[in-house]
Amino acid sequence: MLMKLKPLFVLICAGLLLGSKTARAGETSNSDPLAERLFPPDLILFNGDAIGLSDQQRQGIQSRVGKAQTRFQELQEALLKEQNAMAALLDRENLDEAALMKQLDRLLGREKDIKREQLELMLSLRNLLTPEQQARLKGLRKTYSPSAMEARLKEKVARVEAGLQKLANGGRDPSSIMEKMQPFPELMRAGKVKEAEELLDRVLGEVEAK
């Protein structure tokens, strides 16, 4: 039964917060003057119901984030390459300042590319929102804590997994409960976090009642 349980929960955890680092890459600090004017995808999707996000808007956001994710991965790999090159120059006994400055320019160029890609993504997302939705998000941002939400969901997923494992170890078949969890990853990827957590709570209640 272990082999049947594991793939499902790997998929579930991968679905948390869009299952990518792209959402995080677009976040801005509350002390950043740009923060009140731009909205990361996880903020938009988590508050989708509250701001009246349409299915068309959700699909647009998912499409843009998906395309950006591939680009971010390429840029991160390029950045790591330049960082390694810089480290290699610094490891030399006799430092070549001219070479180091040239490599620094290459490194900063990669960082600039990443910031540009982040901004382009955030601008495209903002253009999908109405002025009313943007105004609501500015207020909702104050109480939004993605790290707390992620920790809460992961904790609940872990409890469901432990409960199902306990059932399996006791010789009981947890497959019917596992089937009820099937929509969870898709709900998360669609940004329907509230619905996903409600499903998770129902399943958790059923597991812990057995």
N, C-alpha and C. Protein backbone atom coordinates (compact mmCIF):
# COMPACT_ATOMS: atom_id res chain seq x y z
N MET A 1 0.83 -1.22 0.00
CA MET A 1 0.00 0.00 0.00
C MET A 1 0.86 1.27 0.00
N LEU A 2 2.08 1.17 0.55
CA LEU A 2 2.96 2.33 0.58
C LEU A 2 3.21 2.88 -0.82
N MET A 3 3.43 1.97 -1.77
CA MET A 3 3.73 2.40 -3.13
C MET A 3 2.55 3.09 -3.79
N LYS A 4 1.35 2.78 -3.33
CA LYS A 4 0.16 3.42 -3.91
C LYS A 4 -0.10 4.77 -3.26
N LEU A 5 0.27 4.92 -2.00
CA LEU A 5 0.01 6.17 -1.30
C LEU A 5 0.98 7.27 -1.72
N LYS A 6 2.24 6.94 -1.86
CA LYS A 6 3.26 7.95 -2.07
C LYS A 6 3.06 8.84 -3.30
N PRO A 7 2.79 8.29 -4.50
CA PRO A 7 2.65 9.17 -5.66
C PRO A 7 1.58 10.22 -5.52
N LEU A 8 0.45 9.87 -4.89
CA LEU A 8 -0.64 10.82 -4.73
C LEU A 8 -0.19 12.02 -3.93
N PHE A 9 0.52 11.79 -2.84
CA PHE A 9 0.87 12.90 -1.96
C PHE A 9 2.06 13.70 -2.47
N VAL A 10 2.89 13.08 -3.28
CA VAL A 10 3.92 13.86 -3.98
C VAL A 10 3.24 14.86 -4.89
N LEU A 11 2.21 14.41 -5.58
CA LEU A 11 1.46 15.29 -6.48
C LEU A 11 0.75 16.39 -5.72
N ILE A 12 0.16 16.04 -4.58
CA ILE A 12 -0.56 17.02 -3.78
C ILE A 12 0.37 18.13 -3.31
N CYS A 13 1.51 17.75 -2.75
CA CYS A 13 2.46 18.74 -2.26
C CYS A 13 2.99 19.60 -3.39
N ALA A 14 3.13 18.99 -4.57
CA ALA A 14 3.61 19.75 -5.71
C ALA A 14 2.59 20.79 -6.16
N GLY A 15 1.31 20.55 -5.82
CA GLY A 15 0.27 21.49 -6.22
C GLY A 15 0.15 22.70 -5.32
N LEU A 16 0.80 22.69 -4.16
CA LEU A 16 0.69 23.80 -3.23
C LEU A 16 1.21 25.09 -3.84
N LEU A 17 0.38 26.13 -3.74
CA LEU A 17 0.77 27.45 -4.23
C LEU A 17 1.26 27.39 -5.67
N LEU A 18 0.50 26.77 -6.53
CA LEU A 18 0.78 26.66 -7.94
C LEU A 18 1.88 25.66 -8.24
N GLY A 19 2.45 25.06 -7.22
CA GLY A 19 3.47 24.06 -7.44
C GLY A 19 4.72 24.59 -8.09
N SER A 20 5.04 25.86 -7.90
CA SER A 20 6.23 26.40 -8.51
C SER A 20 6.80 27.53 -7.70
N LYS A 21 8.05 27.89 -8.01
CA LYS A 21 8.68 29.01 -7.35
C LYS A 21 8.38 30.31 -8.06
N THR A 22 7.66 30.20 -9.18
CA THR A 22 7.36 31.39 -9.94
C THR A 22 6.53 32.37 -9.14
N ALA A 23 5.58 31.88 -8.40
CA ALA A 23 4.74 32.75 -7.59
C ALA A 23 5.59 33.53 -6.61
N ARG A 24 6.54 32.83 -5.98
CA ARG A 24 7.41 33.49 -5.03
C ARG A 24 8.30 34.52 -5.70
N ALA A 25 8.71 34.20 -6.93
CA ALA A 25 9.65 35.09 -7.60
C ALA A 25 9.06 36.46 -7.84
N GLY A 26 7.73 36.54 -7.95
CA GLY A 26 7.11 37.82 -8.22
C GLY A 26 6.73 38.62 -6.99
N GLU A 27 6.95 38.06 -5.80
CA GLU A 27 6.54 38.76 -4.59
C GLU A 27 7.42 39.98 -4.33
N THR A 28 6.82 41.03 -3.79
CA THR A 28 7.56 42.22 -3.43
C THR A 28 7.36 42.51 -1.96
N SER A 29 8.33 43.12 -1.36
CA SER A 29 8.26 43.44 0.06
C SER A 29 7.25 44.54 0.31
N ASN A 30 6.63 44.50 1.50
CA ASN A 30 5.67 45.55 1.85
C ASN A 30 6.34 46.91 1.95
N SER A 31 7.66 46.93 2.16
CA SER A 31 8.38 48.19 2.25
C SER A 31 8.79 48.71 0.88
N ASP A 32 8.56 47.92 -0.14
CA ASP A 32 8.89 48.29 -1.51
C ASP A 32 7.77 49.17 -2.06
N PRO A 33 8.10 50.34 -2.59
CA PRO A 33 7.04 51.22 -3.12
C PRO A 33 6.29 50.61 -4.30
N LEU A 34 6.87 49.57 -4.93
CA LEU A 34 6.18 48.91 -6.05
C LEU A 34 5.13 47.94 -5.56
N ALA A 35 5.23 47.51 -4.30
CA ALA A 35 4.37 46.45 -3.78
C ALA A 35 2.89 46.78 -3.89
N GLU A 36 2.53 48.02 -3.65
CA GLU A 36 1.11 48.40 -3.67
C GLU A 36 0.57 48.51 -5.09
N ARG A 37 1.44 48.45 -6.06
CA ARG A 37 1.01 48.66 -7.44
C ARG A 37 1.09 47.40 -8.30
N LEU A 38 1.72 46.35 -7.76
CA LEU A 38 1.87 45.09 -8.49
C LEU A 38 1.39 43.94 -7.63
N PHE A 39 0.92 42.87 -8.28
CA PHE A 39 0.31 41.77 -7.54
C PHE A 39 0.89 40.43 -7.99
N PRO A 40 1.56 39.69 -7.09
CA PRO A 40 2.08 38.37 -7.45
C PRO A 40 0.94 37.40 -7.70
N PRO A 41 1.16 36.37 -8.51
CA PRO A 41 0.07 35.45 -8.88
C PRO A 41 -0.56 34.74 -7.70
N ASP A 42 0.23 34.38 -6.68
CA ASP A 42 -0.38 33.66 -5.56
C ASP A 42 -1.34 34.55 -4.78
N LEU A 43 -1.03 35.85 -4.67
CA LEU A 43 -1.93 36.79 -4.00
C LEU A 43 -3.25 36.88 -4.75
N ILE A 44 -3.18 36.97 -6.06
CA ILE A 44 -4.38 37.10 -6.88
C ILE A 44 -5.25 35.85 -6.78
N LEU A 45 -4.62 34.69 -6.97
CA LEU A 45 -5.38 33.45 -7.01
C LEU A 45 -5.94 33.07 -5.65
N PHE A 46 -5.17 33.30 -4.59
CA PHE A 46 -5.66 32.97 -3.25
C PHE A 46 -6.90 33.78 -2.91
N ASN A 47 -6.93 35.02 -3.37
CA ASN A 47 -8.06 35.91 -3.09
C ASN A 47 -9.02 35.99 -4.28
N GLY A 48 -8.96 34.99 -5.16
CA GLY A 48 -9.78 35.02 -6.36
C GLY A 48 -11.26 35.17 -6.10
N ASP A 49 -11.78 34.42 -5.14
CA ASP A 49 -13.20 34.51 -4.83
C ASP A 49 -13.55 35.88 -4.26
N ALA A 50 -12.68 36.40 -3.41
CA ALA A 50 -12.95 37.67 -2.75
C ALA A 50 -13.00 38.84 -3.73
N ILE A 51 -12.23 38.74 -4.82
CA ILE A 51 -12.20 39.85 -5.78
C ILE A 51 -13.05 39.56 -7.02
N GLY A 52 -13.74 38.42 -7.01
CA GLY A 52 -14.60 38.09 -8.14
C GLY A 52 -13.84 37.74 -9.40
N LEU A 53 -12.77 36.97 -9.24
CA LEU A 53 -11.95 36.57 -10.39
C LEU A 53 -12.74 35.61 -11.27
N SER A 54 -12.80 35.89 -12.55
CA SER A 54 -13.55 35.03 -13.48
C SER A 54 -12.69 33.84 -13.91
N ASP A 55 -13.36 32.83 -14.46
CA ASP A 55 -12.63 31.67 -14.96
C ASP A 55 -11.67 32.07 -16.08
N GLN A 56 -12.08 33.01 -16.90
CA GLN A 56 -11.22 33.48 -17.99
C GLN A 56 -9.96 34.16 -17.43
N GLN A 57 -10.13 34.93 -16.37
CA GLN A 57 -8.99 35.57 -15.75
C GLN A 57 -8.05 34.54 -15.12
N ARG A 58 -8.64 33.54 -14.45
CA ARG A 58 -7.83 32.48 -13.85
C ARG A 58 -7.00 31.78 -14.91
N GLN A 59 -7.63 31.46 -16.03
CA GLN A 59 -6.93 30.77 -17.11
C GLN A 59 -5.81 31.63 -17.67
N GLY A 60 -6.07 32.92 -17.78
CA GLY A 60 -5.05 33.84 -18.28
C GLY A 60 -3.85 33.90 -17.36
N ILE A 61 -4.11 33.94 -16.06
CA ILE A 61 -3.03 33.97 -15.07
C ILE A 61 -2.23 32.68 -15.12
N GLN A 62 -2.92 31.54 -15.14
CA GLN A 62 -2.24 30.25 -15.19
C GLN A 62 -1.38 30.13 -16.44
N SER A 63 -1.89 30.61 -17.56
CA SER A 63 -1.14 30.54 -18.81
C SER A 63 0.14 31.38 -18.73
N ARG A 64 0.02 32.59 -18.21
CA ARG A 64 1.18 33.47 -18.11
C ARG A 64 2.22 32.94 -17.12
N VAL A 65 1.73 32.42 -16.00
CA VAL A 65 2.65 31.86 -15.00
C VAL A 65 3.36 30.63 -15.54
N GLY A 66 2.63 29.80 -16.28
CA GLY A 66 3.24 28.60 -16.85
C GLY A 66 4.36 28.94 -17.81
N LYS A 67 4.13 29.93 -18.67
CA LYS A 67 5.17 30.35 -19.62
C LYS A 67 6.36 30.98 -18.89
N ALA A 68 6.07 31.77 -17.88
CA ALA A 68 7.13 32.43 -17.14
C ALA A 68 7.98 31.43 -16.35
N GLN A 69 7.35 30.36 -15.89
CA GLN A 69 8.07 29.37 -15.08
C GLN A 69 9.24 28.78 -15.86
N THR A 70 9.00 28.45 -17.13
CA THR A 70 10.07 27.89 -17.96
C THR A 70 11.18 28.92 -18.15
N ARG A 71 10.79 30.15 -18.38
CA ARG A 71 11.78 31.21 -18.59
C ARG A 71 12.58 31.47 -17.32
N PHE A 72 11.91 31.46 -16.16
CA PHE A 72 12.62 31.67 -14.89
C PHE A 72 13.65 30.58 -14.66
N GLN A 73 13.31 29.37 -14.99
CA GLN A 73 14.25 28.26 -14.79
C GLN A 73 15.49 28.46 -15.65
N GLU A 74 15.29 28.88 -16.89
CA GLU A 74 16.42 29.14 -17.79
C GLU A 74 17.31 30.25 -17.25
N LEU A 75 16.68 31.31 -16.75
CA LEU A 75 17.44 32.45 -16.23
C LEU A 75 18.18 32.09 -14.96
N GLN A 76 17.56 31.28 -14.11
CA GLN A 76 18.23 30.87 -12.88
C GLN A 76 19.46 30.01 -13.18
N GLU A 77 19.34 29.16 -14.18
CA GLU A 77 20.48 28.33 -14.57
C GLU A 77 21.60 29.19 -15.13
N ALA A 78 21.24 30.21 -15.91
CA ALA A 78 22.24 31.11 -16.46
C ALA A 78 22.92 31.92 -15.35
N LEU A 79 22.13 32.33 -14.37
CA LEU A 79 22.68 33.08 -13.24
C LEU A 79 23.66 32.22 -12.45
N LEU A 80 23.29 30.96 -12.21
CA LEU A 80 24.17 30.05 -11.47
C LEU A 80 25.49 29.85 -12.21
N LYS A 81 25.43 29.77 -13.52
CA LYS A 81 26.63 29.61 -14.33
C LYS A 81 27.57 30.79 -14.14
N GLU A 82 27.01 31.99 -14.14
CA GLU A 82 27.84 33.19 -13.96
C GLU A 82 28.38 33.28 -12.54
N GLN A 83 27.59 32.85 -11.56
CA GLN A 83 28.06 32.84 -10.18
C GLN A 83 29.24 31.88 -10.01
N ASN A 84 29.14 30.73 -10.65
CA ASN A 84 30.23 29.75 -10.58
C ASN A 84 31.48 30.28 -11.26
N ALA A 85 31.30 31.00 -12.36
CA ALA A 85 32.44 31.59 -13.06
C ALA A 85 33.11 32.64 -12.19
N MET A 86 32.31 33.43 -11.50
CA MET A 86 32.85 34.44 -10.59
C MET A 86 33.62 33.77 -9.45
N ALA A 87 33.07 32.70 -8.90
CA ALA A 87 33.72 31.98 -7.81
C ALA A 87 35.06 31.41 -8.26
N ALA A 88 35.09 30.90 -9.50
CA ALA A 88 36.34 30.33 -10.03
C ALA A 88 37.42 31.40 -10.14
N LEU A 89 37.04 32.59 -10.57
CA LEU A 89 38.01 33.70 -10.67
C LEU A 89 38.51 34.10 -9.28
N LEU A 90 37.62 34.08 -8.30
CA LEU A 90 38.00 34.46 -6.94
C LEU A 90 38.87 33.40 -6.27
N ASP A 91 38.80 32.19 -6.76
CA ASP A 91 39.61 31.10 -6.19
C ASP A 91 41.07 31.16 -6.64
N ARG A 92 41.35 31.95 -7.64
CA ARG A 92 42.72 32.05 -8.14
C ARG A 92 43.62 32.75 -7.12
N GLU A 93 44.85 32.30 -7.07
CA GLU A 93 45.79 32.91 -6.12
C GLU A 93 46.07 34.37 -6.47
N ASN A 94 46.27 34.63 -7.75
CA ASN A 94 46.49 36.00 -8.23
C ASN A 94 45.22 36.49 -8.92
N LEU A 95 44.52 37.40 -8.26
CA LEU A 95 43.25 37.88 -8.78
C LEU A 95 43.45 38.80 -9.98
N ASP A 96 42.65 38.58 -10.99
CA ASP A 96 42.64 39.42 -12.18
C ASP A 96 41.47 40.38 -12.05
N GLU A 97 41.74 41.60 -11.60
CA GLU A 97 40.66 42.55 -11.32
C GLU A 97 39.84 42.86 -12.57
N ALA A 98 40.52 43.00 -13.70
CA ALA A 98 39.80 43.32 -14.93
C ALA A 98 38.82 42.20 -15.30
N ALA A 99 39.29 40.96 -15.17
CA ALA A 99 38.44 39.81 -15.48
C ALA A 99 37.27 39.72 -14.50
N LEU A 100 37.55 40.03 -13.23
CA LEU A 100 36.51 40.00 -12.21
C LEU A 100 35.43 41.04 -12.48
N MET A 101 35.85 42.25 -12.85
CA MET A 101 34.88 43.30 -13.14
C MET A 101 34.04 42.95 -14.37
N LYS A 102 34.68 42.33 -15.35
CA LYS A 102 33.94 41.91 -16.54
C LYS A 102 32.93 40.83 -16.19
N GLN A 103 33.37 39.89 -15.34
CA GLN A 103 32.46 38.83 -14.93
C GLN A 103 31.33 39.37 -14.06
N LEU A 104 31.63 40.38 -13.26
CA LEU A 104 30.60 41.01 -12.43
C LEU A 104 29.51 41.61 -13.31
N ASP A 105 29.93 42.24 -14.41
CA ASP A 105 28.96 42.82 -15.33
C ASP A 105 28.06 41.73 -15.92
N ARG A 106 28.64 40.57 -16.21
CA ARG A 106 27.85 39.46 -16.75
C ARG A 106 26.87 38.95 -15.69
N LEU A 107 27.35 38.86 -14.45
CA LEU A 107 26.50 38.39 -13.35
C LEU A 107 25.34 39.36 -13.12
N LEU A 108 25.64 40.63 -13.07
CA LEU A 108 24.59 41.64 -12.87
C LEU A 108 23.61 41.66 -14.03
N GLY A 109 24.11 41.35 -15.21
CA GLY A 109 23.24 41.29 -16.38
C GLY A 109 22.20 40.18 -16.25
N ARG A 110 22.63 39.03 -15.73
CA ARG A 110 21.70 37.93 -15.51
C ARG A 110 20.67 38.29 -14.45
N GLU A 111 21.11 38.95 -13.39
CA GLU A 111 20.18 39.38 -12.34
C GLU A 111 19.16 40.38 -12.90
N LYS A 112 19.64 41.25 -13.77
CA LYS A 112 18.74 42.22 -14.41
C LYS A 112 17.71 41.51 -15.27
N ASP A 113 18.13 40.46 -15.98
CA ASP A 113 17.20 39.70 -16.82
C ASP A 113 16.08 39.09 -15.98
N ILE A 114 16.45 38.57 -14.80
CA ILE A 114 15.46 37.95 -13.91
C ILE A 114 14.47 38.99 -13.41
N LYS A 115 14.99 40.13 -12.98
CA LYS A 115 14.11 41.20 -12.48
C LYS A 115 13.18 41.71 -13.58
N ARG A 116 13.70 41.77 -14.79
CA ARG A 116 12.89 42.23 -15.92
C ARG A 116 11.77 41.23 -16.19
N GLU A 117 12.10 39.94 -16.15
CA GLU A 117 11.10 38.91 -16.39
C GLU A 117 10.02 38.94 -15.31
N GLN A 118 10.45 39.16 -14.06
CA GLN A 118 9.49 39.26 -12.95
C GLN A 118 8.53 40.42 -13.18
N LEU A 119 9.09 41.56 -13.56
CA LEU A 119 8.26 42.74 -13.75
C LEU A 119 7.30 42.55 -14.92
N GLU A 120 7.77 41.95 -16.00
CA GLU A 120 6.90 41.71 -17.15
C GLU A 120 5.73 40.81 -16.77
N LEU A 121 6.01 39.78 -15.96
CA LEU A 121 4.94 38.89 -15.51
C LEU A 121 3.93 39.65 -14.67
N MET A 122 4.43 40.44 -13.72
CA MET A 122 3.54 41.17 -12.81
C MET A 122 2.69 42.19 -13.57
N LEU A 123 3.29 42.84 -14.56
CA LEU A 123 2.54 43.82 -15.34
C LEU A 123 1.44 43.13 -16.15
N SER A 124 1.76 41.97 -16.72
CA SER A 124 0.76 41.26 -17.51
C SER A 124 -0.40 40.79 -16.63
N LEU A 125 -0.09 40.41 -15.39
CA LEU A 125 -1.15 39.98 -14.47
C LEU A 125 -2.01 41.15 -14.05
N ARG A 126 -1.38 42.26 -13.79
CA ARG A 126 -2.16 43.44 -13.39
C ARG A 126 -3.12 43.87 -14.49
N ASN A 127 -2.67 43.74 -15.75
CA ASN A 127 -3.52 44.14 -16.87
C ASN A 127 -4.73 43.23 -17.04
N LEU A 128 -4.70 42.07 -16.40
CA LEU A 128 -5.85 41.17 -16.46
C LEU A 128 -6.93 41.55 -15.45
N LEU A 129 -6.56 42.40 -14.48
CA LEU A 129 -7.47 42.76 -13.39
C LEU A 129 -8.18 44.08 -13.66
N THR A 130 -9.40 44.18 -13.18
CA THR A 130 -10.14 45.44 -13.28
C THR A 130 -9.63 46.39 -12.19
N PRO A 131 -9.86 47.69 -12.33
CA PRO A 131 -9.47 48.63 -11.27
C PRO A 131 -10.08 48.28 -9.92
N GLU A 132 -11.33 47.78 -9.94
CA GLU A 132 -11.99 47.40 -8.69
C GLU A 132 -11.28 46.22 -8.04
N GLN A 133 -10.88 45.25 -8.84
CA GLN A 133 -10.17 44.09 -8.31
C GLN A 133 -8.81 44.48 -7.73
N GLN A 134 -8.15 45.38 -8.40
CA GLN A 134 -6.85 45.86 -7.91
C GLN A 134 -7.00 46.57 -6.57
N ALA A 135 -8.05 47.36 -6.45
CA ALA A 135 -8.29 48.08 -5.20
C ALA A 135 -8.56 47.11 -4.05
N ARG A 136 -9.32 46.06 -4.32
CA ARG A 136 -9.61 45.06 -3.28
C ARG A 136 -8.34 44.32 -2.87
N LEU A 137 -7.50 44.01 -3.84
CA LEU A 137 -6.26 43.29 -3.54
C LEU A 137 -5.33 44.11 -2.65
N LYS A 138 -5.32 45.41 -2.85
CA LYS A 138 -4.47 46.26 -2.02
C LYS A 138 -4.85 46.14 -0.55
N GLY A 139 -6.16 46.02 -0.30
CA GLY A 139 -6.61 45.87 1.08
C GLY A 139 -6.37 44.47 1.60
N LEU A 140 -6.59 43.47 0.76
CA LEU A 140 -6.42 42.08 1.17
C LEU A 140 -4.96 41.72 1.39
N ARG A 141 -4.06 42.44 0.74
CA ARG A 141 -2.64 42.16 0.88
C ARG A 141 -2.18 42.29 2.34
N LYS A 142 -2.82 43.19 3.09
CA LYS A 142 -2.39 43.47 4.46
C LYS A 142 -2.51 42.26 5.37
N THR A 143 -3.46 41.38 5.09
CA THR A 143 -3.68 40.22 5.95
C THR A 143 -3.25 38.91 5.28
N TYR A 144 -2.64 39.02 4.12
CA TYR A 144 -2.24 37.83 3.36
C TYR A 144 -0.87 37.35 3.80
N SER A 145 -0.78 36.10 4.21
CA SER A 145 0.49 35.51 4.65
C SER A 145 0.70 34.18 3.93
N PRO A 146 1.37 34.20 2.76
CA PRO A 146 1.54 32.97 1.98
C PRO A 146 2.30 31.88 2.72
N SER A 147 3.30 32.27 3.50
CA SER A 147 4.08 31.26 4.23
C SER A 147 3.22 30.56 5.27
N ALA A 148 2.35 31.32 5.96
CA ALA A 148 1.47 30.72 6.97
C ALA A 148 0.45 29.80 6.31
N MET A 149 -0.08 30.23 5.16
CA MET A 149 -1.06 29.42 4.45
C MET A 149 -0.43 28.12 3.96
N GLU A 150 0.76 28.23 3.40
CA GLU A 150 1.45 27.05 2.90
C GLU A 150 1.75 26.07 4.02
N ALA A 151 2.20 26.60 5.16
CA ALA A 151 2.51 25.74 6.31
C ALA A 151 1.25 25.04 6.80
N ARG A 152 0.13 25.76 6.83
CA ARG A 152 -1.13 25.18 7.30
C ARG A 152 -1.60 24.06 6.38
N LEU A 153 -1.53 24.29 5.08
CA LEU A 153 -1.97 23.27 4.14
C LEU A 153 -1.07 22.04 4.16
N LYS A 154 0.23 22.27 4.24
CA LYS A 154 1.16 21.13 4.28
C LYS A 154 0.95 20.30 5.55
N GLU A 155 0.64 20.99 6.66
CA GLU A 155 0.41 20.29 7.91
C GLU A 155 -0.83 19.41 7.80
N LYS A 156 -1.87 19.92 7.16
CA LYS A 156 -3.09 19.14 6.99
C LYS A 156 -2.88 17.97 6.04
N VAL A 157 -2.13 18.22 4.97
CA VAL A 157 -1.83 17.14 4.03
C VAL A 157 -1.06 16.03 4.74
N ALA A 158 -0.11 16.43 5.59
CA ALA A 158 0.68 15.44 6.33
C ALA A 158 -0.21 14.62 7.27
N ARG A 159 -1.20 15.26 7.87
CA ARG A 159 -2.12 14.55 8.77
C ARG A 159 -2.99 13.57 8.00
N VAL A 160 -3.42 13.98 6.80
CA VAL A 160 -4.21 13.06 5.97
C VAL A 160 -3.34 11.87 5.58
N GLU A 161 -2.12 12.14 5.16
CA GLU A 161 -1.22 11.07 4.75
C GLU A 161 -0.97 10.09 5.91
N ALA A 162 -0.74 10.64 7.11
CA ALA A 162 -0.49 9.79 8.27
C ALA A 162 -1.72 8.94 8.59
N GLY A 163 -2.90 9.55 8.45
CA GLY A 163 -4.13 8.82 8.73
C GLY A 163 -4.36 7.69 7.74
N LEU A 164 -4.11 7.97 6.47
CA LEU A 164 -4.27 6.93 5.46
C LEU A 164 -3.26 5.81 5.65
N GLN A 165 -2.06 6.19 6.03
CA GLN A 165 -1.03 5.18 6.26
C GLN A 165 -1.41 4.29 7.45
N LYS A 166 -1.99 4.91 8.46
CA LYS A 166 -2.43 4.15 9.63
C LYS A 166 -3.51 3.15 9.25
N LEU A 167 -4.43 3.60 8.39
CA LEU A 167 -5.48 2.69 7.92
C LEU A 167 -4.88 1.53 7.14
N ALA A 168 -3.93 1.86 6.26
CA ALA A 168 -3.30 0.83 5.45
C ALA A 168 -2.53 -0.17 6.31
N ASN A 169 -1.83 0.36 7.31
CA ASN A 169 -1.07 -0.52 8.20
C ASN A 169 -1.98 -1.43 9.02
N GLY A 170 -3.20 -0.96 9.25
CA GLY A 170 -4.17 -1.75 10.01
C GLY A 170 -4.96 -2.72 9.15
N GLY A 171 -4.57 -2.80 7.87
CA GLY A 171 -5.23 -3.74 6.98
C GLY A 171 -6.51 -3.22 6.37
N ARG A 172 -6.78 -1.92 6.51
CA ARG A 172 -8.00 -1.34 5.95
C ARG A 172 -7.66 -0.65 4.63
N ASP A 173 -8.62 -0.63 3.74
CA ASP A 173 -8.42 -0.07 2.40
C ASP A 173 -8.75 1.43 2.38
N PRO A 174 -7.74 2.30 2.19
CA PRO A 174 -7.98 3.75 2.19
C PRO A 174 -8.27 4.31 0.80
N SER A 175 -8.44 3.45 -0.19
CA SER A 175 -8.54 3.91 -1.58
C SER A 175 -9.73 4.85 -1.80
N SER A 176 -10.85 4.60 -1.11
CA SER A 176 -12.02 5.46 -1.31
C SER A 176 -11.75 6.89 -0.83
N ILE A 177 -11.00 7.01 0.24
CA ILE A 177 -10.65 8.34 0.76
C ILE A 177 -9.61 8.99 -0.16
N MET A 178 -8.68 8.18 -0.66
CA MET A 178 -7.68 8.72 -1.58
C MET A 178 -8.34 9.30 -2.82
N GLU A 179 -9.38 8.66 -3.30
CA GLU A 179 -10.09 9.15 -4.48
C GLU A 179 -10.69 10.52 -4.22
N LYS A 180 -11.15 10.75 -3.00
CA LYS A 180 -11.75 12.05 -2.68
C LYS A 180 -10.71 13.17 -2.70
N MET A 181 -9.43 12.80 -2.55
CA MET A 181 -8.35 13.79 -2.58
C MET A 181 -7.92 14.15 -4.00
N GLN A 182 -8.38 13.38 -4.99
CA GLN A 182 -7.91 13.57 -6.35
C GLN A 182 -8.08 15.00 -6.88
N PRO A 183 -9.20 15.70 -6.57
CA PRO A 183 -9.35 17.07 -7.11
C PRO A 183 -8.44 18.11 -6.46
N PHE A 184 -7.81 17.76 -5.33
CA PHE A 184 -7.04 18.75 -4.57
C PHE A 184 -5.93 19.42 -5.37
N PRO A 185 -5.04 18.66 -6.02
CA PRO A 185 -3.96 19.32 -6.78
C PRO A 185 -4.47 20.25 -7.86
N GLU A 186 -5.52 19.83 -8.57
CA GLU A 186 -6.05 20.65 -9.65
C GLU A 186 -6.67 21.94 -9.11
N LEU A 187 -7.35 21.83 -7.96
CA LEU A 187 -7.92 23.03 -7.34
C LEU A 187 -6.81 24.01 -6.97
N MET A 188 -5.69 23.49 -6.46
CA MET A 188 -4.58 24.34 -6.10
C MET A 188 -3.97 25.00 -7.33
N ARG A 189 -3.79 24.22 -8.38
CA ARG A 189 -3.21 24.77 -9.61
C ARG A 189 -4.12 25.83 -10.22
N ALA A 190 -5.43 25.66 -10.02
CA ALA A 190 -6.38 26.64 -10.55
C ALA A 190 -6.51 27.86 -9.66
N GLY A 191 -5.80 27.84 -8.53
CA GLY A 191 -5.86 28.97 -7.61
C GLY A 191 -7.10 28.99 -6.75
N LYS A 192 -7.85 27.89 -6.72
CA LYS A 192 -9.06 27.81 -5.91
C LYS A 192 -8.69 27.26 -4.53
N VAL A 193 -7.90 28.06 -3.81
CA VAL A 193 -7.31 27.62 -2.56
C VAL A 193 -8.38 27.37 -1.50
N LYS A 194 -9.38 28.23 -1.43
CA LYS A 194 -10.44 28.07 -0.44
C LYS A 194 -11.16 26.74 -0.64
N GLU A 195 -11.51 26.43 -1.89
CA GLU A 195 -12.20 25.18 -2.18
C GLU A 195 -11.28 23.99 -1.88
N ALA A 196 -10.00 24.14 -2.19
CA ALA A 196 -9.04 23.06 -1.94
C ALA A 196 -8.92 22.77 -0.45
N GLU A 197 -8.87 23.83 0.36
CA GLU A 197 -8.74 23.62 1.80
C GLU A 197 -10.02 23.04 2.39
N GLU A 198 -11.16 23.45 1.87
CA GLU A 198 -12.43 22.89 2.35
C GLU A 198 -12.48 21.39 2.05
N LEU A 199 -12.01 21.00 0.85
CA LEU A 199 -11.94 19.58 0.51
C LEU A 199 -10.99 18.85 1.45
N LEU A 200 -9.86 19.46 1.71
CA LEU A 200 -8.85 18.87 2.59
C LEU A 200 -9.42 18.68 4.00
N ASP A 201 -10.15 19.65 4.48
CA ASP A 201 -10.74 19.57 5.82
C ASP A 201 -11.76 18.43 5.91
N ARG A 202 -12.55 18.28 4.84
CA ARG A 202 -13.56 17.20 4.84
C ARG A 202 -12.88 15.83 4.87
N VAL A 203 -11.87 15.68 4.07
CA VAL A 203 -11.15 14.40 4.01
C VAL A 203 -10.43 14.14 5.34
N LEU A 204 -9.84 15.19 5.89
CA LEU A 204 -9.13 15.05 7.16
C LEU A 204 -10.08 14.62 8.27
N GLY A 205 -11.27 15.22 8.29
CA GLY A 205 -12.26 14.86 9.28
C GLY A 205 -12.68 13.40 9.15
N GLU A 206 -12.82 12.94 7.92
CA GLU A 206 -13.22 11.55 7.70
C GLU A 206 -12.11 10.59 8.09
N VAL A 207 -10.88 10.94 7.77
CA VAL A 207 -9.75 10.07 8.12
C VAL A 207 -9.57 9.95 9.63
N GLU A 208 -9.63 11.08 10.32
CA GLU A 208 -9.38 11.07 11.75
C GLU A 208 -10.56 10.53 12.55
N ALA A 209 -11.71 10.38 11.90
CA ALA A 209 -12.87 9.81 12.58
C ALA A 209 -12.84 8.28 12.54
N LYS A 210 -12.00 7.71 11.69
CA LYS A 210 -11.93 6.25 11.55
C LYS A 210 -11.00 5.63 12.58
